[in-house]
Amino acid sequence: MEFLPTEIIKRKRNGHELSEAEIDFMIQSYTQNSLPDYQMAAWLMAVYFQGLNKQETLFLTKSMIHSGVMVNFDLVPEFKVDKHSTGGVGDKTSLILGPIVAAAGVPVPMISGRGLGHTGGTLDKLESIPGFNTQLSLEQFIKNIQDHKICFIGQTKEICPADKKIYALRDVTSTVESIPLICASIMSKKLAEGIDGLVLDVKFGSGAFMKDLAKAEELARSLMAIAQGYGKKVTALLTNMNQPLGRFAGNSLEVFECLEILQGKTFIGKNGEDLYADTRELSLALSAHMLLLTGKYKDYSQAYDIAKEILNSGVAYKKFSELCRIHFASLEKFSIKSPALQIKAQSSGYISSFDTEKIGVALILLKAGRRTKEDILDLSSGIEFHVKIGDQIQQEEPIYTIYCEDKKLIAAAEELLLNSFKISLPKVTKEVLISKIIY
């Protein structure tokens, strides 16, 4: 059926519900280059202001999926599960939970992304390991899942080409912050993976896309509705990004932290707490919920105990080493650079808050993150975090350590980091890591 794009744009601009055929016409026409950028941009802006209902969002997701191919896992009959995070500073759990769940015998096909803005990307982290190839073919991806239960690749040209093209346009037309468009973008890629279950890690707080818990829950429920509409099992965790996750942010530094955790190591900070604890705990919680979706475990507690045993026994580390081998990486050659500069407290008291997004911007200045998709990263640069909210700090004690070899970049990041935390005299309550679980 042929449509007039201007009429579809007008109908959505005026708040009307669009049919599946109308939405599919817009998406497929744009993917096939018969709809110009300016008309798709107008339609996206109409959607931004008028929204899409649940049915329209399902239609949009379906059309984006069918703009390319779906991964065929007919040769992998087991329950396949993935995790998606909405992103944050120091968010590195995929590198731990993937090996844990795969080591439990559950296939984990992960089509991951690169970092953009103040949130990091899994592919960038993995590529800080010498030789790690994330650009495998779909055939290699399927074979690795079949043989090894785990594989990480980037979005190929065959998978959801509509999403790749539309996201680039959203990025330059200020239409990124639309829940229906976000949901269709995320879920089209995840559903095209051929998974049976999905665990969502939806962040809220100063370093998250959604700043407050209510908006994060709205996003989580919208994402879940699409997954459930496709008959997939799904669970969402609402998790705290009012402070960076773990001890490090920055690509090679985050890999280092994950390797430490996978090898059972701890790092005790000045207040006597393990600075790896939140990364480890969130990874275990997400792993347990992924395992629980398979139906093989009687309850969350049993699934968590299994995940913890796989981590503590070193089996997950062996699986990560196996992951590196199948991606042609040399884990033995992996290393991190020396620290360059410490940012110290200018007064004594308790850490009361972080502006986590500002820390993320400092990471961009250090070239650990991207302003645009074309930016080239310095995979060795990043930031170490010495304290958490609620920790006591004395004047001249370190809050951050910068890792970077460019003095000009360090100076720019230093100024930002000095204004990214607050110290108060009364002791403040420590933040809760997981605020809510939605089944």
Protein backbone atom coordinates (compact mmCIF):
# COMPACT_ATOMS: atom_id res chain seq x y z
CA MET A 1 0.00 0.00 0.00
CA GLU A 2 1.30 3.44 -0.95
CA PHE A 3 1.02 6.39 1.45
CA LEU A 4 1.79 10.08 1.35
CA PRO A 5 4.50 10.78 3.97
CA THR A 6 3.14 14.30 4.54
CA GLU A 7 -0.27 12.88 5.54
CA ILE A 8 1.30 10.43 8.01
CA ILE A 9 3.42 13.22 9.50
CA LYS A 10 0.34 15.45 9.78
CA ARG A 11 -1.74 12.70 11.42
CA LYS A 12 0.87 12.10 14.09
CA ARG A 13 1.47 15.85 14.51
CA ASN A 14 -2.24 16.21 15.25
CA GLY A 15 -2.18 13.38 17.80
CA HIS A 16 -3.85 10.60 15.81
CA GLU A 17 -3.03 6.92 16.22
CA LEU A 18 -1.11 5.46 13.29
CA SER A 19 -1.78 2.06 11.75
CA GLU A 20 0.81 -0.70 11.45
CA ALA A 21 0.91 -0.11 7.67
CA GLU A 22 1.55 3.63 8.06
CA ILE A 23 4.40 3.10 10.53
CA ASP A 24 5.90 0.34 8.41
CA PHE A 25 5.75 2.55 5.32
CA MET A 26 7.72 5.31 7.07
CA ILE A 27 10.38 2.94 8.45
CA GLN A 28 10.93 0.81 5.35
CA SER A 29 10.88 3.82 3.00
CA TYR A 30 13.52 5.56 5.08
CA THR A 31 15.69 2.43 5.32
CA GLN A 32 15.51 2.01 1.54
CA ASN A 33 16.44 5.69 0.98
CA SER A 34 13.14 6.61 -0.69
CA LEU A 35 12.09 8.88 2.21
CA PRO A 36 14.32 11.95 2.71
CA ASP A 37 15.92 12.89 6.04
CA TYR A 38 13.78 16.01 6.42
CA GLN A 39 10.51 14.03 6.32
CA MET A 40 11.74 11.37 8.75
CA ALA A 41 13.02 14.16 11.02
CA ALA A 42 9.58 15.80 10.93
CA TRP A 43 7.89 12.48 11.77
CA LEU A 44 10.34 11.85 14.65
CA MET A 45 9.63 15.31 16.06
CA ALA A 46 5.87 14.65 15.82
CA VAL A 47 6.40 11.39 17.72
CA TYR A 48 8.57 13.21 20.25
CA PHE A 49 5.74 15.64 21.08
CA GLN A 50 2.67 13.41 20.59
CA GLY A 51 4.13 10.06 21.67
CA LEU A 52 3.14 6.56 20.56
CA ASN A 53 0.75 4.28 22.44
CA LYS A 54 1.65 0.71 23.38
CA GLN A 55 0.30 -0.74 20.11
CA GLU A 56 2.06 1.84 17.94
CA THR A 57 5.34 1.21 19.78
CA LEU A 58 4.98 -2.51 19.09
CA PHE A 59 4.36 -1.77 15.40
CA LEU A 60 7.45 0.47 15.29
CA THR A 61 9.61 -2.18 16.97
CA LYS A 62 8.34 -4.87 14.58
CA SER A 63 9.05 -2.73 11.53
CA MET A 64 12.58 -1.96 12.73
CA ILE A 65 13.25 -5.66 13.37
CA HIS A 66 12.03 -6.59 9.88
CA SER A 67 14.16 -3.94 8.22
CA GLY A 68 16.93 -6.55 8.53
CA VAL A 69 17.40 -10.16 9.55
CA MET A 70 16.69 -11.98 12.80
CA VAL A 71 19.45 -14.22 14.14
CA ASN A 72 18.51 -17.85 13.54
CA PHE A 73 19.31 -19.95 16.60
CA ASP A 74 17.58 -23.15 15.43
CA LEU A 75 20.80 -25.02 16.23
CA VAL A 76 20.78 -23.69 19.81
CA PRO A 77 17.63 -25.15 21.39
CA GLU A 78 18.41 -24.03 24.96
CA PHE A 79 16.78 -20.99 26.58
CA LYS A 80 18.81 -17.95 25.47
CA VAL A 81 19.01 -14.86 27.68
CA ASP A 82 20.58 -11.41 27.49
CA LYS A 83 20.88 -8.28 29.62
CA HIS A 84 20.44 -4.67 28.60
CA SER A 85 21.53 -1.65 30.63
CA THR A 86 20.39 1.90 29.92
CA GLY A 87 23.96 2.97 30.71
CA GLY A 88 25.93 4.84 33.30
CA VAL A 89 29.40 5.74 34.55
CA GLY A 90 31.48 2.67 35.39
CA ASP A 91 28.72 0.29 34.29
CA LYS A 92 30.69 -2.82 33.42
CA THR A 93 28.52 -5.74 34.59
CA SER A 94 28.20 -7.45 31.18
CA LEU A 95 31.83 -8.55 31.37
CA ILE A 96 31.11 -10.43 34.61
CA LEU A 97 27.52 -11.64 34.24
CA GLY A 98 28.03 -12.95 30.68
CA PRO A 99 30.70 -15.46 31.77
CA ILE A 100 28.75 -16.41 34.93
CA VAL A 101 25.53 -17.21 33.07
CA ALA A 102 27.32 -18.96 30.19
CA ALA A 103 29.31 -21.04 32.68
CA ALA A 104 25.96 -22.17 34.13
CA GLY A 105 25.17 -23.63 30.68
CA VAL A 106 22.81 -20.87 29.56
CA PRO A 107 23.54 -19.31 26.13
CA VAL A 108 24.19 -15.54 26.31
CA PRO A 109 24.11 -13.94 22.84
CA MET A 110 25.15 -10.30 23.26
CA ILE A 111 24.89 -7.76 20.47
CA SER A 112 26.44 -4.81 22.27
CA GLY A 113 27.04 -1.14 21.59
CA ARG A 114 29.73 1.48 21.79
CA GLY A 115 29.81 4.33 24.25
CA LEU A 116 28.23 7.64 23.28
CA GLY A 117 27.97 10.65 25.56
CA HIS A 118 28.80 10.07 29.22
CA THR A 119 27.91 6.35 29.23
CA GLY A 120 30.43 3.67 28.30
CA GLY A 121 30.07 0.92 25.71
CA THR A 122 30.77 -2.80 26.17
CA LEU A 123 32.50 -3.14 22.78
CA ASP A 124 34.98 -0.35 23.62
CA LYS A 125 35.84 -1.99 26.92
CA LEU A 126 36.46 -5.37 25.32
CA GLU A 127 38.57 -3.85 22.54
CA SER A 128 41.00 -2.55 25.18
CA ILE A 129 42.12 -6.20 25.42
CA PRO A 130 44.79 -6.60 22.70
CA GLY A 131 43.39 -8.34 19.61
CA PHE A 132 39.77 -8.58 20.83
CA ASN A 133 37.65 -8.69 17.65
CA THR A 134 34.02 -7.62 18.17
CA GLN A 135 33.28 -7.49 14.42
CA LEU A 136 32.55 -11.19 13.91
CA SER A 137 30.06 -12.33 11.29
CA LEU A 138 26.58 -13.57 12.22
CA GLU A 139 27.72 -17.07 11.26
CA GLN A 140 30.65 -16.87 13.71
CA PHE A 141 28.33 -15.39 16.35
CA ILE A 142 25.87 -18.29 16.06
CA LYS A 143 28.69 -20.89 16.03
CA ASN A 144 30.26 -19.41 19.17
CA ILE A 145 26.92 -19.43 20.99
CA GLN A 146 26.41 -23.02 19.92
CA ASP A 147 29.90 -24.14 21.02
CA HIS A 148 30.78 -21.80 23.88
CA LYS A 149 27.43 -20.34 25.10
CA ILE A 150 28.78 -16.78 24.86
CA CYS A 151 29.79 -14.20 22.26
CA PHE A 152 29.87 -10.38 22.10
CA ILE A 153 29.48 -8.64 18.75
CA GLY A 154 28.52 -5.19 17.51
CA GLN A 155 25.39 -4.44 15.54
CA THR A 156 26.00 -5.78 12.02
CA LYS A 157 24.65 -4.23 8.82
CA GLU A 158 22.13 -7.09 8.61
CA ILE A 159 20.55 -6.45 12.03
CA CYS A 160 18.02 -3.61 12.37
CA PRO A 161 19.51 -1.26 9.74
CA ALA A 162 16.51 1.03 10.31
CA ASP A 163 17.55 1.57 13.92
CA LYS A 164 21.12 2.46 13.00
CA LYS A 165 19.97 5.01 10.42
CA ILE A 166 17.16 6.49 12.53
CA TYR A 167 19.30 6.77 15.66
CA ALA A 168 21.88 8.83 13.78
CA LEU A 169 19.08 11.21 12.71
CA ARG A 170 17.59 11.37 16.24
CA ASP A 171 21.02 12.28 17.57
CA VAL A 172 21.21 15.43 15.41
CA THR A 173 17.53 16.46 15.64
CA SER A 174 17.14 16.43 19.45
CA THR A 175 14.61 13.58 19.39
CA VAL A 176 16.62 11.10 21.46
CA GLU A 177 14.65 11.64 24.71
CA SER A 178 11.41 9.94 23.62
CA ILE A 179 10.39 6.82 25.52
CA PRO A 180 8.64 5.11 22.55
CA LEU A 181 11.63 5.79 20.28
CA ILE A 182 14.07 4.64 22.97
CA CYS A 183 12.08 1.47 23.56
CA ALA A 184 11.77 0.58 19.87
CA SER A 185 15.49 1.21 19.36
CA ILE A 186 16.57 -0.96 22.30
CA MET A 187 14.07 -3.76 21.85
CA SER A 188 14.37 -4.12 18.07
CA LYS A 189 18.05 -5.01 18.47
CA LYS A 190 17.45 -7.30 21.45
CA LEU A 191 14.54 -9.16 19.83
CA ALA A 192 16.51 -9.53 16.59
CA GLU A 193 19.12 -11.46 18.62
CA GLY A 194 16.77 -14.43 18.84
CA ILE A 195 16.68 -14.46 22.66
CA ASP A 196 14.01 -16.06 24.85
CA GLY A 197 14.50 -13.89 27.93
CA LEU A 198 15.86 -10.47 28.85
CA VAL A 199 16.90 -8.78 32.10
CA LEU A 200 16.81 -4.99 32.04
CA ASP A 201 19.07 -2.82 34.18
CA VAL A 202 17.33 0.56 34.09
CA LYS A 203 19.42 3.27 35.73
CA PHE A 204 18.20 6.36 37.56
CA GLY A 205 20.03 9.23 39.23
CA SER A 206 22.52 11.97 38.40
CA GLY A 207 24.52 9.80 36.02
CA ALA A 208 21.58 8.15 34.28
CA PHE A 209 19.48 9.00 31.27
CA MET A 210 16.43 9.03 33.56
CA LYS A 211 17.20 11.24 36.54
CA ASP A 212 14.38 10.12 38.86
CA LEU A 213 13.05 6.73 39.89
CA ALA A 214 9.50 7.29 38.56
CA LYS A 215 10.72 8.07 35.02
CA ALA A 216 13.08 5.08 35.14
CA GLU A 217 10.16 2.84 36.11
CA GLU A 218 8.07 4.25 33.25
CA LEU A 219 10.87 3.39 30.82
CA ALA A 220 11.32 -0.08 32.35
CA ARG A 221 7.62 -0.92 32.07
CA SER A 222 7.50 0.33 28.47
CA LEU A 223 10.47 -1.85 27.54
CA MET A 224 8.93 -4.83 29.33
CA ALA A 225 5.61 -4.37 27.51
CA ILE A 226 7.35 -4.75 24.15
CA ALA A 227 9.26 -7.87 25.26
CA GLN A 228 6.08 -9.40 26.67
CA GLY A 229 4.23 -8.46 23.47
CA TYR A 230 6.70 -10.70 21.66
CA GLY A 231 6.22 -13.54 24.15
CA LYS A 232 9.59 -13.08 25.87
CA LYS A 233 10.29 -13.51 29.57
CA VAL A 234 11.54 -10.27 31.07
CA THR A 235 12.58 -8.79 34.43
CA ALA A 236 13.68 -5.22 35.16
CA LEU A 237 15.92 -3.92 37.94
CA LEU A 238 15.87 -0.20 38.77
CA THR A 239 19.42 0.60 39.87
CA ASN A 240 21.21 3.61 41.31
CA MET A 241 23.49 5.84 39.22
CA ASN A 242 23.81 8.71 41.72
CA GLN A 243 27.46 7.67 41.95
CA PRO A 244 29.79 5.75 39.63
CA LEU A 245 29.61 1.97 39.77
CA GLY A 246 32.67 0.28 41.21
CA ARG A 247 36.24 1.46 41.49
CA PHE A 248 36.98 2.56 37.91
CA ALA A 249 35.48 4.19 34.83
CA GLY A 250 37.32 4.09 31.53
CA ASN A 251 37.68 1.19 29.14
CA SER A 252 40.84 -0.71 30.08
CA LEU A 253 40.42 0.27 33.73
CA GLU A 254 36.93 -1.25 33.82
CA VAL A 255 38.25 -4.45 32.25
CA PHE A 256 40.93 -4.53 34.95
CA GLU A 257 38.25 -4.22 37.65
CA CYS A 258 36.23 -7.04 36.10
CA LEU A 259 39.29 -9.30 35.88
CA GLU A 260 40.03 -8.61 39.56
CA ILE A 261 36.45 -9.53 40.53
CA LEU A 262 36.46 -12.63 38.29
CA GLN A 263 39.65 -13.74 40.05
CA GLY A 264 38.07 -13.29 43.48
CA LYS A 265 40.03 -10.20 44.49
CA THR A 266 38.88 -7.30 46.64
CA PHE A 267 40.14 -3.73 47.00
CA ILE A 268 39.65 -2.19 50.42
CA GLY A 269 39.25 1.59 50.45
CA LYS A 270 40.15 4.06 53.17
CA ASN A 271 36.82 3.52 54.95
CA GLY A 272 37.35 -0.22 55.16
CA GLU A 273 34.87 -1.24 52.46
CA ASP A 274 35.52 -3.19 49.29
CA LEU A 275 35.41 -0.75 46.33
CA TYR A 276 34.51 -3.65 44.04
CA ALA A 277 31.47 -4.58 46.14
CA ASP A 278 28.76 -2.74 44.17
CA THR A 279 30.01 -3.99 40.78
CA ARG A 280 30.18 -7.54 42.12
CA GLU A 281 26.77 -7.40 43.80
CA LEU A 282 24.96 -5.93 40.80
CA SER A 283 26.61 -8.46 38.48
CA LEU A 284 25.50 -11.32 40.72
CA ALA A 285 21.95 -9.96 41.04
CA LEU A 286 21.59 -9.57 37.27
CA SER A 287 23.12 -13.03 36.70
CA ALA A 288 20.66 -14.57 39.16
CA HIS A 289 17.68 -12.98 37.44
CA MET A 290 18.96 -14.16 34.06
CA LEU A 291 19.27 -17.70 35.39
CA LEU A 292 15.86 -17.49 37.02
CA LEU A 293 14.19 -16.69 33.68
CA THR A 294 15.26 -20.11 32.34
CA GLY A 295 12.84 -21.85 34.73
CA LYS A 296 15.57 -24.20 35.97
CA TYR A 297 15.75 -22.73 39.48
CA LYS A 298 13.08 -22.76 42.17
CA ASP A 299 13.67 -19.19 43.34
CA TYR A 300 15.96 -16.17 43.20
CA SER A 301 17.96 -17.31 46.23
CA GLN A 302 18.93 -20.59 44.57
CA ALA A 303 19.86 -18.84 41.31
CA TYR A 304 21.94 -16.26 43.22
CA ASP A 305 23.80 -18.99 45.12
CA ILE A 306 24.63 -20.75 41.85
CA ALA A 307 25.89 -17.49 40.31
CA LYS A 308 28.00 -16.73 43.39
CA GLU A 309 29.52 -20.22 43.40
CA ILE A 310 30.45 -19.93 39.70
CA LEU A 311 32.12 -16.57 40.39
CA ASN A 312 33.89 -17.57 43.60
CA SER A 313 35.17 -20.88 42.22
CA GLY A 314 37.01 -19.25 39.32
CA VAL A 315 34.81 -20.94 36.71
CA ALA A 316 33.52 -17.57 35.46
CA TYR A 317 37.12 -16.36 35.01
CA LYS A 318 37.87 -19.45 32.91
CA LYS A 319 34.81 -18.69 30.78
CA PHE A 320 36.00 -15.09 30.31
CA SER A 321 39.39 -16.41 29.21
CA GLU A 322 37.57 -18.69 26.78
CA LEU A 323 35.60 -15.67 25.51
CA CYS A 324 38.87 -13.88 24.82
CA ARG A 325 40.21 -16.86 22.86
CA ILE A 326 37.17 -17.13 20.59
CA HIS A 327 37.43 -13.39 19.89
CA PHE A 328 41.18 -13.76 19.09
CA ALA A 329 42.28 -11.66 22.07
CA SER A 330 45.49 -11.92 24.06
CA LEU A 331 44.53 -11.58 27.73
CA GLU A 332 48.19 -12.14 28.68
CA LYS A 333 49.14 -8.88 26.94
CA PHE A 334 46.45 -6.83 28.70
CA SER A 335 47.69 -4.10 31.06
CA ILE A 336 46.72 -0.67 32.36
CA LYS A 337 48.72 2.54 32.31
CA SER A 338 50.15 4.34 35.36
CA PRO A 339 48.07 6.97 37.20
CA ALA A 340 48.70 10.61 36.31
CA LEU A 341 47.02 12.91 38.88
CA GLN A 342 45.03 12.74 42.10
CA ILE A 343 42.05 15.02 42.83
CA LYS A 344 42.02 15.65 46.59
CA ALA A 345 39.40 16.85 49.05
CA GLN A 346 39.66 20.53 49.90
CA SER A 347 37.85 20.08 53.23
CA SER A 348 36.99 17.33 55.72
CA GLY A 349 33.58 15.75 56.27
CA TYR A 350 31.42 13.15 54.53
CA ILE A 351 30.82 12.65 50.81
CA SER A 352 27.19 13.72 50.43
CA SER A 353 26.69 13.57 46.65
CA PHE A 354 28.27 13.21 43.23
CA ASP A 355 27.29 14.87 39.99
CA THR A 356 27.84 11.61 38.12
CA GLU A 357 27.00 13.05 34.72
CA LYS A 358 29.74 15.65 35.25
CA ILE A 359 32.16 12.80 35.94
CA GLY A 360 31.00 11.26 32.68
CA VAL A 361 31.74 14.51 30.84
CA ALA A 362 35.23 14.50 32.41
CA LEU A 363 35.69 11.02 30.95
CA ILE A 364 34.78 12.41 27.52
CA LEU A 365 37.40 15.15 27.97
CA LEU A 366 39.96 12.43 28.76
CA LYS A 367 38.90 10.64 25.54
CA ALA A 368 37.57 7.70 27.53
CA GLY A 369 34.14 8.55 26.07
CA ARG A 370 32.77 10.04 22.84
CA ARG A 371 31.08 13.33 22.02
CA THR A 372 30.19 11.99 18.55
CA LYS A 373 30.21 8.52 17.02
CA GLU A 374 33.29 9.51 14.97
CA ASP A 375 35.47 10.31 18.01
CA ILE A 376 38.53 8.10 18.52
CA LEU A 377 38.93 6.88 22.10
CA ASP A 378 41.99 6.57 24.28
CA LEU A 379 41.18 3.13 25.69
CA SER A 380 43.78 3.49 28.46
CA SER A 381 42.44 6.72 30.01
CA GLY A 382 39.90 6.93 32.80
CA ILE A 383 39.21 7.70 36.45
CA GLU A 384 39.62 5.78 39.72
CA PHE A 385 37.14 6.44 42.52
CA HIS A 386 38.43 6.28 46.08
CA VAL A 387 35.22 7.03 48.01
CA LYS A 388 31.46 6.47 47.90
CA ILE A 389 28.51 8.54 49.15
CA GLY A 390 28.47 8.41 52.96
CA ASP A 391 32.23 7.86 53.30
CA GLN A 392 34.28 10.03 55.64
CA ILE A 393 37.01 12.08 53.99
CA GLN A 394 39.82 14.21 55.40
CA GLN A 395 41.24 17.30 53.72
CA GLU A 396 43.95 16.39 51.17
CA GLU A 397 42.81 12.76 50.92
CA PRO A 398 42.20 11.53 47.34
CA ILE A 399 38.72 11.38 45.86
CA TYR A 400 39.70 10.60 42.27
CA THR A 401 42.81 9.52 40.38
CA ILE A 402 43.06 10.42 36.70
CA TYR A 403 44.67 8.04 34.22
CA CYS A 404 45.71 9.87 31.04
CA GLU A 405 48.92 10.73 29.20
CA ASP A 406 47.83 14.10 27.75
CA LYS A 407 48.42 16.97 30.22
CA LYS A 408 46.00 19.33 28.43
CA LEU A 409 43.19 16.80 28.68
CA ILE A 410 44.03 16.18 32.35
CA ALA A 411 43.80 19.91 33.13
CA ALA A 412 40.35 20.19 31.53
CA ALA A 413 39.05 17.11 33.35
CA GLU A 414 40.56 18.21 36.68
CA GLU A 415 38.54 21.43 36.71
CA LEU A 416 35.32 19.52 36.08
CA LEU A 417 36.06 16.82 38.67
CA LEU A 418 36.79 19.39 41.38
CA ASN A 419 33.17 20.53 41.02
CA SER A 420 31.60 17.08 40.74
CA PHE A 421 31.16 16.18 44.44
CA LYS A 422 29.95 17.69 47.68
CA ILE A 423 31.30 17.26 51.20
CA SER A 424 29.06 17.87 54.21
CA LEU A 425 29.72 17.83 57.94
CA PRO A 426 26.73 15.70 58.99
CA LYS A 427 27.05 12.05 58.02
CA VAL A 428 24.74 11.07 55.15
CA THR A 429 22.99 7.77 54.46
CA LYS A 430 24.66 5.43 51.99
CA GLU A 431 22.83 4.89 48.68
CA VAL A 432 20.79 1.73 47.98
CA LEU A 433 22.09 -0.03 44.87
CA ILE A 434 18.93 -1.82 43.67
CA SER A 435 15.77 0.16 44.39
CA LYS A 436 13.11 -1.99 42.77
CA ILE A 437 12.64 -5.24 40.83
CA ILE A 438 9.75 -5.52 38.36
CA TYR A 439 8.62 -8.96 37.19
